[in-house]
PDB file of N, CA and C in Angstrom:
ATOM      1  N   MET A   1     -43.092  37.365  27.428  1.00  0.00           N
ATOM      2  CA  MET A   1     -42.949  38.589  27.345  1.00  0.00           C
ATOM      3  C   MET A   1     -41.898  39.051  29.030  1.00  0.00           C
ATOM      4  N   VAL A   2     -41.564  38.216  30.018  1.00  0.00           N
ATOM      5  CA  VAL A   2     -40.233  38.733  30.875  1.00  0.00           C
ATOM      6  C   VAL A   2     -38.786  38.381  29.642  1.00  0.00           C
ATOM      7  N   LYS A   3     -39.207  37.439  29.014  1.00  0.00           N
ATOM      8  CA  LYS A   3     -37.670  36.844  27.559  1.00  0.00           C
ATOM      9  C   LYS A   3     -37.766  38.545  26.556  1.00  0.00           C
ATOM     10  N   ASP A   4     -37.841  38.913  26.409  1.00  0.00           N
ATOM     11  CA  ASP A   4     -38.798  40.110  25.554  1.00  0.00           C
ATOM     12  C   ASP A   4     -37.881  41.056  26.114  1.00  0.00           C
ATOM     13  N   ILE A   5     -38.247  41.261  27.672  1.00  0.00           N
ATOM     14  CA  ILE A   5     -37.521  42.076  28.673  1.00  0.00           C
ATOM     15  C   ILE A   5     -35.782  41.400  28.795  1.00  0.00           C
ATOM     16  N   ILE A   6     -35.614  40.555  28.832  1.00  0.00           N
ATOM     17  CA  ILE A   6     -34.298  40.255  29.114  1.00  0.00           C
ATOM     18  C   ILE A   6     -33.729  40.329  28.118  1.00  0.00           C
ATOM     19  N   GLU A   7     -34.475  40.531  26.999  1.00  0.00           N
ATOM     20  CA  GLU A   7     -33.418  40.703  25.958  1.00  0.00           C
ATOM     21  C   GLU A   7     -32.701  42.224  24.961  1.00  0.00           C
ATOM     22  N   LYS A   8     -34.020  42.728  25.580  1.00  0.00           N
ATOM     23  CA  LYS A   8     -34.272  44.783  25.770  1.00  0.00           C
ATOM     24  C   LYS A   8     -32.916  45.006  26.746  1.00  0.00           C
ATOM     25  N   PHE A   9     -32.759  44.217  27.965  1.00  0.00           N
ATOM     26  CA  PHE A   9     -32.182  44.684  29.558  1.00  0.00           C
ATOM     27  C   PHE A   9     -31.227  43.526  29.649  1.00  0.00           C
ATOM     28  N   PRO A  10     -29.910  43.275  29.193  1.00  0.00           N
ATOM     29  CA  PRO A  10     -29.216  42.086  29.322  1.00  0.00           C
ATOM     30  C   PRO A  10     -28.850  41.903  30.523  1.00  0.00           C
ATOM     31  N   ASN A  11     -28.689  43.251  30.944  1.00  0.00           N
ATOM     32  CA  ASN A  11     -27.845  42.716  32.599  1.00  0.00           C
ATOM     33  C   ASN A  11     -29.126  42.894  33.391  1.00  0.00           C
ATOM     34  N   GLN A  12     -29.756  42.365  32.692  1.00  0.00           N
ATOM     35  CA  GLN A  12     -31.153  41.570  34.344  1.00  0.00           C
ATOM     36  C   GLN A  12     -31.056  40.102  34.216  1.00  0.00           C
ATOM     37  N   LYS A  13     -30.495  39.399  33.091  1.00  0.00           N
ATOM     38  CA  LYS A  13     -30.607  38.391  33.186  1.00  0.00           C
ATOM     39  C   LYS A  13     -29.276  37.242  33.989  1.00  0.00           C
ATOM     40  N   LYS A  14     -28.708  38.383  34.023  1.00  0.00           N
ATOM     41  CA  LYS A  14     -26.932  38.242  35.386  1.00  0.00           C
ATOM     42  C   LYS A  14     -27.955  37.955  36.774  1.00  0.00           C
ATOM     43  N   ARG A  15     -28.545  39.439  36.779  1.00  0.00           N
ATOM     44  CA  ARG A  15     -29.493  39.901  38.366  1.00  0.00           C
ATOM     45  C   ARG A  15     -30.086  38.439  37.961  1.00  0.00           C
ATOM     46  N   GLN A  16     -31.192  38.302  37.558  1.00  0.00           N
ATOM     47  CA  GLN A  16     -32.306  37.626  37.551  1.00  0.00           C
ATOM     48  C   GLN A  16     -31.895  35.765  38.339  1.00  0.00           C
ATOM     49  N   LYS A  17     -30.105  35.823  37.862  1.00  0.00           N
ATOM     50  CA  LYS A  17     -29.779  34.563  37.670  1.00  0.00           C
ATOM     51  C   LYS A  17     -29.719  34.812  39.639  1.00  0.00           C
ATOM     52  N   ASP A  18     -29.489  36.004  39.499  1.00  0.00           N
ATOM     53  CA  ASP A  18     -29.034  34.995  41.640  1.00  0.00           C
ATOM     54  C   ASP A  18     -30.807  35.341  42.413  1.00  0.00           C
ATOM     55  N   PHE A  19     -31.445  35.174  42.191  1.00  0.00           N
ATOM     56  CA  PHE A  19     -32.083  35.943  43.039  1.00  0.00           C
ATOM     57  C   PHE A  19     -33.676  35.037  42.100  1.00  0.00           C
ATOM     58  N   LYS A  20     -34.042  34.252  43.813  1.00  0.00           N
ATOM     59  CA  LYS A  20     -34.970  33.081  42.929  1.00  0.00           C
ATOM     60  C   LYS A  20     -36.266  33.808  43.391  1.00  0.00           C
ATOM     61  N   CYS A  21     -36.347  34.932  43.656  1.00  0.00           N
ATOM     62  CA  CYS A  21     -37.302  35.627  44.612  1.00  0.00           C
ATOM     63  C   CYS A  21     -37.583  37.216  43.260  1.00  0.00           C
ATOM     64  N   SER A  22     -38.274  37.589  43.033  1.00  0.00           N
ATOM     65  CA  SER A  22     -39.325  38.810  42.531  1.00  0.00           C
ATOM     66  C   SER A  22     -38.305  39.548  43.526  1.00  0.00           C
ATOM     67  N   LEU A  23     -38.339  39.980  44.868  1.00  0.00           N
ATOM     68  CA  LEU A  23     -38.123  41.064  45.926  1.00  0.00           C
ATOM     69  C   LEU A  23     -36.727  41.147  45.442  1.00  0.00           C
ATOM     70  N   GLY A  24     -35.520  40.377  45.454  1.00  0.00           N
ATOM     71  CA  GLY A  24     -33.903  40.345  45.768  1.00  0.00           C
ATOM     72  C   GLY A  24     -34.205  41.263  43.960  1.00  0.00           C
ATOM     73  N   PHE A  25     -34.531  40.360  43.361  1.00  0.00           N
ATOM     74  CA  PHE A  25     -34.256  40.817  41.304  1.00  0.00           C
ATOM     75  C   PHE A  25     -34.604  42.527  41.534  1.00  0.00           C
ATOM     76  N   ALA A  26     -35.996  42.700  42.264  1.00  0.00           N
ATOM     77  CA  ALA A  26     -36.042  44.302  42.944  1.00  0.00           C
ATOM     78  C   ALA A  26     -35.932  44.668  43.755  1.00  0.00           C
ATOM     79  N   MET A  27     -35.306  44.772  44.357  1.00  0.00           N
ATOM     80  CA  MET A  27     -33.732  46.044  44.899  1.00  0.00           C
ATOM     81  C   MET A  27     -32.251  45.907  44.786  1.00  0.00           C
ATOM     82  N   THR A  28     -32.615  44.401  43.191  1.00  0.00           N
ATOM     83  CA  THR A  28     -30.878  45.174  42.199  1.00  0.00           C
ATOM     84  C   THR A  28     -31.145  46.482  42.065  1.00  0.00           C
ATOM     85  N   VAL A  29     -32.151  46.347  41.351  1.00  0.00           N
ATOM     86  CA  VAL A  29     -32.770  47.554  40.542  1.00  0.00           C
ATOM     87  C   VAL A  29     -32.775  48.394  41.021  1.00  0.00           C
ATOM     88  N   ILE A  30     -33.531  48.824  42.456  1.00  0.00           N
ATOM     89  CA  ILE A  30     -34.077  50.541  42.438  1.00  0.00           C
ATOM     90  C   ILE A  30     -32.651  49.657  44.471  1.00  0.00           C
ATOM     91  N   GLY A  31     -32.410  49.205  44.495  1.00  0.00           N
ATOM     92  CA  GLY A  31     -32.428  48.998  46.215  1.00  0.00           C
ATOM     93  C   GLY A  31     -30.278  49.952  46.566  1.00  0.00           C
ATOM     94  N   SER A  32     -29.496  50.396  45.315  1.00  0.00           N
ATOM     95  CA  SER A  32     -28.220  51.357  45.416  1.00  0.00           C
ATOM     96  C   SER A  32     -28.960  52.770  46.728  1.00  0.00           C
ATOM     97  N   LYS A  33     -27.894  52.691  47.637  1.00  0.00           N
ATOM     98  CA  LYS A  33     -28.346  54.224  48.576  1.00  0.00           C
ATOM     99  C   LYS A  33     -28.292  54.578  48.104  1.00  0.00           C
ATOM    100  N   TRP A  34     -27.990  56.028  46.656  1.00  0.00           N
ATOM    101  CA  TRP A  34     -28.745  56.498  45.629  1.00  0.00           C
ATOM    102  C   TRP A  34     -29.908  56.330  44.921  1.00  0.00           C
ATOM    103  N   ARG A  35     -30.170  55.284  43.811  1.00  0.00           N
ATOM    104  CA  ARG A  35     -30.456  54.783  42.727  1.00  0.00           C
ATOM    105  C   ARG A  35     -32.657  55.657  42.956  1.00  0.00           C
ATOM    106  N   ALA A  36     -32.497  55.514  44.050  1.00  0.00           N
ATOM    107  CA  ALA A  36     -34.226  54.645  44.184  1.00  0.00           C
ATOM    108  C   ALA A  36     -34.689  56.970  44.142  1.00  0.00           C
ATOM    109  N   ILE A  37     -33.069  57.424  44.377  1.00  0.00           N
ATOM    110  CA  ILE A  37     -33.756  58.558  45.594  1.00  0.00           C
ATOM    111  C   ILE A  37     -33.442  59.817  43.969  1.00  0.00           C
ATOM    112  N   VAL A  38     -32.416  59.596  43.387  1.00  0.00           N
ATOM    113  CA  VAL A  38     -32.240  59.885  42.055  1.00  0.00           C
ATOM    114  C   VAL A  38     -33.737  59.579  40.790  1.00  0.00           C
ATOM    115  N   LEU A  39     -34.478  58.070  41.104  1.00  0.00           N
ATOM    116  CA  LEU A  39     -35.415  58.831  39.638  1.00  0.00           C
ATOM    117  C   LEU A  39     -36.795  58.860  40.992  1.00  0.00           C
ATOM    118  N   TRP A  40     -36.339  58.927  42.516  1.00  0.00           N
ATOM    119  CA  TRP A  40     -37.717  59.383  42.861  1.00  0.00           C
ATOM    120  C   TRP A  40     -37.243  61.245  42.461  1.00  0.00           C
ATOM    121  N   HIS A  41     -36.470  61.717  42.118  1.00  0.00           N
ATOM    122  CA  HIS A  41     -36.183  63.468  42.422  1.00  0.00           C
ATOM    123  C   HIS A  41     -36.496  63.667  40.899  1.00  0.00           C
ATOM    124  N   ILE A  42     -36.323  62.243  39.547  1.00  0.00           N
ATOM    125  CA  ILE A  42     -36.730  62.831  38.484  1.00  0.00           C
ATOM    126  C   ILE A  42     -38.102  62.383  38.553  1.00  0.00           C
ATOM    127  N   LEU A  43     -38.606  61.490  39.358  1.00  0.00           N
ATOM    128  CA  LEU A  43     -39.724  62.044  38.913  1.00  0.00           C
ATOM    129  C   LEU A  43     -41.107  62.729  39.295  1.00  0.00           C
ATOM    130  N   LYS A  44     -40.468  63.628  40.279  1.00  0.00           N
ATOM    131  CA  LYS A  44     -41.078  64.468  40.772  1.00  0.00           C
ATOM    132  C   LYS A  44     -41.065  65.725  39.974  1.00  0.00           C
ATOM    133  N   GLY A  45     -39.829  65.633  39.124  1.00  0.00           N
ATOM    134  CA  GLY A  45     -39.722  67.200  38.455  1.00  0.00           C
ATOM    135  C   GLY A  45     -39.228  67.557  36.869  1.00  0.00           C
ATOM    136  N   GLN A  46     -39.786  65.744  35.755  1.00  0.00           N
ATOM    137  CA  GLN A  46     -39.392  66.259  34.915  1.00  0.00           C
ATOM    138  C   GLN A  46     -40.501  66.214  33.865  1.00  0.00           C
ATOM    139  N   PRO A  47     -39.579  66.721  32.244  1.00  0.00           N
ATOM    140  CA  PRO A  47     -38.020  66.592  32.934  1.00  0.00           C
ATOM    141  C   PRO A  47     -36.808  67.860  34.050  1.00  0.00           C
ATOM    142  N   ILE A  48     -35.795  67.185  33.869  1.00  0.00           N
ATOM    143  CA  ILE A  48     -35.062  67.659  34.583  1.00  0.00           C
ATOM    144  C   ILE A  48     -33.883  67.873  33.905  1.00  0.00           C
ATOM    145  N   ARG A  49     -32.694  68.452  33.889  1.00  0.00           N
ATOM    146  CA  ARG A  49     -31.483  69.048  34.033  1.00  0.00           C
ATOM    147  C   ARG A  49     -30.555  68.237  35.187  1.00  0.00           C
ATOM    148  N   TYR A  50     -29.500  67.143  35.060  1.00  0.00           N
ATOM    149  CA  TYR A  50     -28.345  67.256  35.511  1.00  0.00           C
ATOM    150  C   TYR A  50     -28.073  68.251  36.957  1.00  0.00           C
ATOM    151  N   GLY A  51     -28.048  69.202  36.920  1.00  0.00           N
ATOM    152  CA  GLY A  51     -27.220  70.088  37.250  1.00  0.00           C
ATOM    153  C   GLY A  51     -28.873  70.762  38.479  1.00  0.00           C
ATOM    154  N   GLN A  52     -29.722  70.785  38.247  1.00  0.00           N
ATOM    155  CA  GLN A  52     -30.940  71.103  38.893  1.00  0.00           C
ATOM    156  C   GLN A  52     -30.974  69.074  40.340  1.00  0.00           C
ATOM    157  N   LEU A  53     -30.888  68.000  38.871  1.00  0.00           N
ATOM    158  CA  LEU A  53     -30.363  66.696  40.367  1.00  0.00           C
ATOM    159  C   LEU A  53     -29.821  66.803  40.376  1.00  0.00           C
ATOM    160  N   LYS A  54     -28.079  67.649  40.854  1.00  0.00           N
ATOM    161  CA  LYS A  54     -27.075  67.422  41.612  1.00  0.00           C
ATOM    162  C   LYS A  54     -27.532  68.310  43.045  1.00  0.00           C
ATOM    163  N   LYS A  55     -28.767  69.548  42.679  1.00  0.00           N
ATOM    164  CA  LYS A  55     -28.681  70.804  43.772  1.00  0.00           C
ATOM    165  C   LYS A  55     -29.756  69.241  44.435  1.00  0.00           C
ATOM    166  N   SER A  56     -30.894  69.177  43.689  1.00  0.00           N
ATOM    167  CA  SER A  56     -32.050  68.656  44.523  1.00  0.00           C
ATOM    168  C   SER A  56     -30.329  67.577  46.040  1.00  0.00           C
ATOM    169  N   ILE A  57     -30.274  66.736  45.427  1.00  0.00           N
ATOM    170  CA  ILE A  57     -29.404  65.335  46.592  1.00  0.00           C
ATOM    171  C   ILE A  57     -28.002  66.726  46.139  1.00  0.00           C
ATOM    172  N   PRO A  58     -27.601  67.085  47.380  1.00  0.00           N
ATOM    173  CA  PRO A  58     -26.897  68.135  47.344  1.00  0.00           C
ATOM    174  C   PRO A  58     -24.988  67.057  47.836  1.00  0.00           C
ATOM    175  N   SER A  59     -25.463  66.175  48.922  1.00  0.00           N
ATOM    176  CA  SER A  59     -24.287  65.130  49.211  1.00  0.00           C
ATOM    177  C   SER A  59     -24.394  63.720  48.182  1.00  0.00           C
ATOM    178  N   ILE A  60     -24.534  63.877  47.135  1.00  0.00           N
ATOM    179  CA  ILE A  60     -23.703  62.770  46.227  1.00  0.00           C
ATOM    180  C   ILE A  60     -23.068  63.685  45.977  1.00  0.00           C
ATOM    181  N   SER A  61     -21.817  62.764  45.137  1.00  0.00           N
ATOM    182  CA  SER A  61     -20.932  63.364  44.383  1.00  0.00           C
ATOM    183  C   SER A  61     -21.613  63.158  42.700  1.00  0.00           C
ATOM    184  N   HIS A  62     -20.677  63.513  41.739  1.00  0.00           N
ATOM    185  CA  HIS A  62     -20.830  63.792  40.167  1.00  0.00           C
ATOM    186  C   HIS A  62     -20.736  62.780  40.033  1.00  0.00           C
ATOM    187  N   LYS A  63     -19.602  61.954  40.107  1.00  0.00           N
ATOM    188  CA  LYS A  63     -19.605  60.863  39.928  1.00  0.00           C
ATOM    189  C   LYS A  63     -20.490  59.723  40.500  1.00  0.00           C
ATOM    190  N   ILE A  64     -20.959  59.348  41.206  1.00  0.00           N
ATOM    191  CA  ILE A  64     -21.564  58.517  41.439  1.00  0.00           C
ATOM    192  C   ILE A  64     -23.244  59.098  40.915  1.00  0.00           C
ATOM    193  N   LEU A  65     -23.255  60.180  41.300  1.00  0.00           N
ATOM    194  CA  LEU A  65     -25.179  60.749  39.952  1.00  0.00           C
ATOM    195  C   LEU A  65     -24.744  60.278  38.461  1.00  0.00           C
ATOM    196  N   ALA A  66     -24.290  60.874  38.325  1.00  0.00           N
ATOM    197  CA  ALA A  66     -23.901  59.431  37.190  1.00  0.00           C
ATOM    198  C   ALA A  66     -23.519  58.005  36.277  1.00  0.00           C
ATOM    199  N   GLN A  67     -22.805  57.674  37.891  1.00  0.00           N
ATOM    200  CA  GLN A  67     -23.606  56.658  37.837  1.00  0.00           C
ATOM    201  C   GLN A  67     -24.357  56.004  38.076  1.00  0.00           C
ATOM    202  N   GLU A  68     -25.530  56.652  38.415  1.00  0.00           N
ATOM    203  CA  GLU A  68     -26.565  55.902  39.184  1.00  0.00           C
ATOM    204  C   GLU A  68     -27.520  56.922  37.680  1.00  0.00           C
ATOM    205  N   LEU A  69     -26.942  57.442  37.068  1.00  0.00           N
ATOM    206  CA  LEU A  69     -28.416  57.720  36.184  1.00  0.00           C
ATOM    207  C   LEU A  69     -28.098  56.714  34.254  1.00  0.00           C
ATOM    208  N   LYS A  70     -27.212  56.398  34.700  1.00  0.00           N
ATOM    209  CA  LYS A  70     -26.328  55.281  33.529  1.00  0.00           C
ATOM    210  C   LYS A  70     -27.127  53.520  33.920  1.00  0.00           C
ATOM    211  N   TYR A  71     -27.270  53.278  35.432  1.00  0.00           N
ATOM    212  CA  TYR A  71     -27.666  52.290  36.203  1.00  0.00           C
ATOM    213  C   TYR A  71     -29.145  52.437  35.615  1.00  0.00           C
ATOM    214  N   LEU A  72     -29.641  54.057  36.098  1.00  0.00           N
ATOM    215  CA  LEU A  72     -31.480  53.493  35.724  1.00  0.00           C
ATOM    216  C   LEU A  72     -31.813  53.280  34.512  1.00  0.00           C
ATOM    217  N   GLU A  73     -30.797  54.238  33.185  1.00  0.00           N
ATOM    218  CA  GLU A  73     -30.822  54.486  32.049  1.00  0.00           C
ATOM    219  C   GLU A  73     -31.125  53.300  31.515  1.00  0.00           C
ATOM    220  N   SER A  74     -30.668  52.733  31.732  1.00  0.00           N
ATOM    221  CA  SER A  74     -30.225  50.943  31.375  1.00  0.00           C
ATOM    222  C   SER A  74     -31.192  50.075  30.890  1.00  0.00           C
ATOM    223  N   ASP A  75     -31.438  50.264  32.367  1.00  0.00           N
ATOM    224  CA  ASP A  75     -32.274  49.274  33.194  1.00  0.00           C
ATOM    225  C   ASP A  75     -34.131  50.547  32.965  1.00  0.00           C
ATOM    226  N   GLY A  76     -33.852  50.455  32.010  1.00  0.00           N
ATOM    227  CA  GLY A  76     -35.215  51.202  31.112  1.00  0.00           C
ATOM    228  C   GLY A  76     -36.203  51.995  31.972  1.00  0.00           C
ATOM    229  N   LEU A  77     -36.121  52.262  33.458  1.00  0.00           N
ATOM    230  CA  LEU A  77     -36.554  53.174  34.352  1.00  0.00           C
ATOM    231  C   LEU A  77     -36.684  54.985  33.976  1.00  0.00           C
ATOM    232  N   ILE A  78     -35.019  55.224  33.378  1.00  0.00           N
ATOM    233  CA  ILE A  78     -35.301  56.802  32.916  1.00  0.00           C
ATOM    234  C   ILE A  78     -34.625  57.300  31.028  1.00  0.00           C
ATOM    235  N   GLU A  79     -35.152  58.414  30.838  1.00  0.00           N
ATOM    236  CA  GLU A  79     -34.935  58.797  29.528  1.00  0.00           C
ATOM    237  C   GLU A  79     -33.107  59.568  28.899  1.00  0.00           C
ATOM    238  N   ARG A  80     -32.796  59.573  28.719  1.00  0.00           N
ATOM    239  CA  ARG A  80     -31.752  60.067  28.522  1.00  0.00           C
ATOM    240  C   ARG A  80     -31.862  61.069  27.430  1.00  0.00           C
ATOM    241  N   ILE A  81     -32.119  62.711  27.021  1.00  0.00           N
ATOM    242  CA  ILE A  81     -31.952  63.397  25.996  1.00  0.00           C
ATOM    243  C   ILE A  81     -30.898  64.425  25.333  1.00  0.00           C
ATOM    244  N   ALA A  82     -30.300  64.241  24.470  1.00  0.00           N
ATOM    245  CA  ALA A  82     -29.379  65.038  24.876  1.00  0.00           C
ATOM    246  C   ALA A  82     -30.054  66.200  23.825  1.00  0.00           C
ATOM    247  N   TYR A  83     -29.872  67.624  23.957  1.00  0.00           N
ATOM    248  CA  TYR A  83     -29.881  68.665  22.642  1.00  0.00           C
ATOM    249  C   TYR A  83     -28.825  68.750  22.023  1.00  0.00           C
ATOM    250  N   ALA A  84     -28.688  68.950  20.688  1.00  0.00           N
ATOM    251  CA  ALA A  84     -27.668  70.095  20.006  1.00  0.00           C
ATOM    252  C   ALA A  84     -27.893  71.120  19.808  1.00  0.00           C
ATOM    253  N   THR A  85     -26.986  71.505  21.443  1.00  0.00           N
ATOM    254  CA  THR A  85     -27.614  72.846  21.636  1.00  0.00           C
ATOM    255  C   THR A  85     -25.457  73.680  21.407  1.00  0.00           C
ATOM    256  N   ILE A  86     -25.125  74.950  22.068  1.00  0.00           N
ATOM    257  CA  ILE A  86     -23.815  75.159  22.651  1.00  0.00           C
ATOM    258  C   ILE A  86     -24.098  75.829  23.637  1.00  0.00           C
ATOM    259  N   PRO A  87     -24.266  75.533  24.626  1.00  0.00           N
ATOM    260  CA  PRO A  87     -23.683  74.727  25.556  1.00  0.00           C
ATOM    261  C   PRO A  87     -24.539  73.476  25.084  1.00  0.00           C
ATOM    262  N   PRO A  88     -24.290  71.827  25.408  1.00  0.00           N
ATOM    263  CA  PRO A  88     -25.166  70.779  24.895  1.00  0.00           C
ATOM    264  C   PRO A  88     -26.306  70.702  26.360  1.00  0.00           C
ATOM    265  N   ARG A  89     -27.384  70.474  26.822  1.00  0.00           N
ATOM    266  CA  ARG A  89     -28.148  70.563  27.341  1.00  0.00           C
ATOM    267  C   ARG A  89     -28.617  68.673  27.072  1.00  0.00           C
ATOM    268  N   VAL A  90     -28.317  68.972  28.899  1.00  0.00           N
ATOM    269  CA  VAL A  90     -29.214  67.421  28.498  1.00  0.00           C
ATOM    270  C   VAL A  90     -30.877  67.107  29.758  1.00  0.00           C
ATOM    271  N   GLU A  91     -31.105  66.235  29.075  1.00  0.00           N
ATOM    272  CA  GLU A  91     -32.977  66.074  30.098  1.00  0.00           C
ATOM    273  C   GLU A  91     -33.530  65.002  30.556  1.00  0.00           C
ATOM    274  N   TYR A  92     -32.973  64.021  31.725  1.00  0.00           N
ATOM    275  CA  TYR A  92     -34.275  63.170  31.933  1.00  0.00           C
ATOM    276  C   TYR A  92     -35.499  63.082  31.782  1.00  0.00           C
ATOM    277  N   ILE A  93     -35.907  62.182  32.257  1.00  0.00           N
ATOM    278  CA  ILE A  93     -37.938  62.085  32.108  1.00  0.00           C
ATOM    279  C   ILE A  93     -38.087  60.244  32.294  1.00  0.00           C
ATOM    280  N   SER A  94     -38.185  59.788  33.122  1.00  0.00           N
ATOM    281  CA  SER A  94     -38.519  58.706  33.240  1.00  0.00           C
ATOM    282  C   SER A  94     -39.691  58.174  32.239  1.00  0.00           C
ATOM    283  N   THR A  95     -39.668  56.912  32.194  1.00  0.00           N
ATOM    284  CA  THR A  95     -40.569  56.449  31.344  1.00  0.00           C
ATOM    285  C   THR A  95     -41.322  55.454  31.971  1.00  0.00           C
ATOM    286  N   ASP A  96     -42.244  54.710  30.678  1.00  0.00           N
ATOM    287  CA  ASP A  96     -43.359  54.005  31.082  1.00  0.00           C
ATOM    288  C   ASP A  96     -42.881  53.179  32.444  1.00  0.00           C
ATOM    289  N   ARG A  97     -41.607  52.429  32.909  1.00  0.00           N
ATOM    290  CA  ARG A  97     -41.061  51.723  34.057  1.00  0.00           C
ATOM    291  C   ARG A  97     -40.759  52.304  34.675  1.00  0.00           C
ATOM    292  N   GLY A  98     -40.289  53.627  34.235  1.00  0.00           N
ATOM    293  CA  GLY A  98     -39.634  54.434  35.965  1.00  0.00           C
ATOM    294  C   GLY A  98     -41.422  54.800  37.185  1.00  0.00           C
ATOM    295  N   LYS A  99     -42.719  55.067  36.326  1.00  0.00           N
ATOM    296  CA  LYS A  99     -43.306  56.165  36.505  1.00  0.00           C
ATOM    297  C   LYS A  99     -43.908  55.372  37.004  1.00  0.00           C
ATOM    298  N   SER A 100     -43.907  54.048  36.894  1.00  0.00           N
ATOM    299  CA  SER A 100     -44.681  52.098  37.916  1.00  0.00           C
ATOM    300  C   SER A 100     -43.948  52.033  39.290  1.00  0.00           C
ATOM    301  N   LEU A 101     -42.777  52.491  39.348  1.00  0.00           N
ATOM    302  CA  LEU A 101     -42.388  52.480  40.552  1.00  0.00           C
ATOM    303  C   LEU A 101     -42.730  54.071  40.929  1.00  0.00           C
ATOM    304  N   GLU A 102     -43.092  54.695  40.986  1.00  0.00           N
ATOM    305  CA  GLU A 102     -44.168  56.480  41.542  1.00  0.00           C
ATOM    306  C   GLU A 102     -44.489  56.212  42.776  1.00  0.00           C
ATOM    307  N   HIS A 103     -45.728  54.844  42.536  1.00  0.00           N
ATOM    308  CA  HIS A 103     -46.338  54.594  43.843  1.00  0.00           C
ATOM    309  C   HIS A 103     -45.494  53.709  45.160  1.00  0.00           C
ATOM    310  N   VAL A 104     -44.997  52.668  44.842  1.00  0.00           N
ATOM    311  CA  VAL A 104     -43.651  51.805  45.701  1.00  0.00           C
ATOM    312  C   VAL A 104     -42.942  53.158  46.499  1.00  0.00           C
ATOM    313  N   LEU A 105     -42.302  54.522  45.376  1.00  0.00           N
ATOM    314  CA  LEU A 105     -41.414  54.709  46.350  1.00  0.00           C
ATOM    315  C   LEU A 105     -42.077  55.849  46.890  1.00  0.00           C
ATOM    316  N   THR A 106     -42.858  56.209  47.167  1.00  0.00           N
ATOM    317  CA  THR A 106     -44.170  57.335  47.361  1.00  0.00           C
ATOM    318  C   THR A 106     -44.695  56.386  48.966  1.00  0.00           C
ATOM    319  N   GLU A 107     -44.506  55.156  48.454  1.00  0.00           N
ATOM    320  CA  GLU A 107     -45.107  54.389  49.942  1.00  0.00           C
ATOM    321  C   GLU A 107     -43.288  54.470  50.681  1.00  0.00           C
ATOM    322  N   LEU A 108     -42.253  54.419  50.269  1.00  0.00           N
ATOM    323  CA  LEU A 108     -41.021  53.460  51.007  1.00  0.00           C
ATOM    324  C   LEU A 108     -40.727  56.205  51.357  1.00  0.00           C
ATOM    325  N   CYS A 109     -41.170  56.185  50.844  1.00  0.00           N
ATOM    326  CA  CYS A 109     -41.324  57.597  51.713  1.00  0.00           C
ATOM    327  C   CYS A 109     -41.883  57.998  52.607  1.00  0.00           C
ATOM    328  N   ILE A 110     -43.456  57.424  52.584  1.00  0.00           N
ATOM    329  CA  ILE A 110     -44.220  57.748  53.943  1.00  0.00           C
ATOM    330  C   ILE A 110     -43.513  56.701  55.461  1.00  0.00           C
ATOM    331  N   TRP A 111     -43.171  55.965  53.970  1.00  0.00           N
ATOM    332  CA  TRP A 111     -42.637  54.895  55.724  1.00  0.00           C
ATOM    333  C   TRP A 111     -41.743  55.271  56.448  1.00  0.00           C
ATOM    334  N   GLY A 112     -40.712  55.860  55.782  1.00  0.00           N
ATOM    335  CA  GLY A 112     -38.869  56.175  56.431  1.00  0.00           C
ATOM    336  C   GLY A 112     -39.426  57.913  56.464  1.00  0.00           C
ATOM    337  N   ARG A 113     -40.716  58.479  56.395  1.00  0.00           N
ATOM    338  CA  ARG A 113     -40.320  59.536  57.610  1.00  0.00           C
ATOM    339  C   ARG A 113     -41.159  59.321  58.506  1.00  0.00           C
ATOM    340  N   LYS A 114     -41.820  58.019  58.440  1.00  0.00           N
ATOM    341  CA  LYS A 114     -43.336  57.426  59.878  1.00  0.00           C
ATOM    342  C   LYS A 114     -42.006  56.935  61.141  1.00  0.00           C
ATOM    343  N   TYR A 115     -41.022  56.678  60.334  1.00  0.00           N
ATOM    344  CA  TYR A 115     -40.031  55.573  60.671  1.00  0.00           C
ATOM    345  C   TYR A 115     -38.938  56.682  61.341  1.00  0.00           C
ATOM    346  N   MET A 116     -38.684  57.687  60.676  1.00  0.00           N
ATOM    347  CA  MET A 116     -37.703  58.788  61.619  1.00  0.00           C
ATOM    348  C   MET A 116     -38.492  59.390  62.885  1.00  0.00           C
ATOM    349  N   GLU A 117     -39.671  59.397  62.501  1.00  0.00           N
ATOM    350  CA  GLU A 117     -40.441  60.967  63.124  1.00  0.00           C
ATOM    351  C   GLU A 117     -39.613  59.865  64.968  1.00  0.00           C
ATOM    352  N   LYS A 118     -40.196  58.476  64.928  1.00  0.00           N
ATOM    353  CA  LYS A 118     -40.072  57.735  66.065  1.00  0.00           C
ATOM    354  C   LYS A 118     -39.701  57.505  66.839  1.00  0.00           C
TER     355      LYS A 118
END
């Protein structure tokens, strides 16, 4: 099973070698400054368009948002759906793998809110 995942997502192979524990590996997948936040907004409002994401996270730059979306897609956490329309329309939805992180992100959000209040 793990071998199938590594073959499907080749950039995970290198990251798995960098860590001996699964927590370290998991943090490389969702642990950047913006990645978990972008995924959180996609989970909350899917399907969601790029412009809606940018409005939801106003302090993220266009470059970083595009980069984080590519990372999330390459890790199999989101899916990019492009429609052949004029003007072009793109929507993002979470995959089952991305949805499996919803509980984790919710708990982190609750913990962060409590921590900020103190």
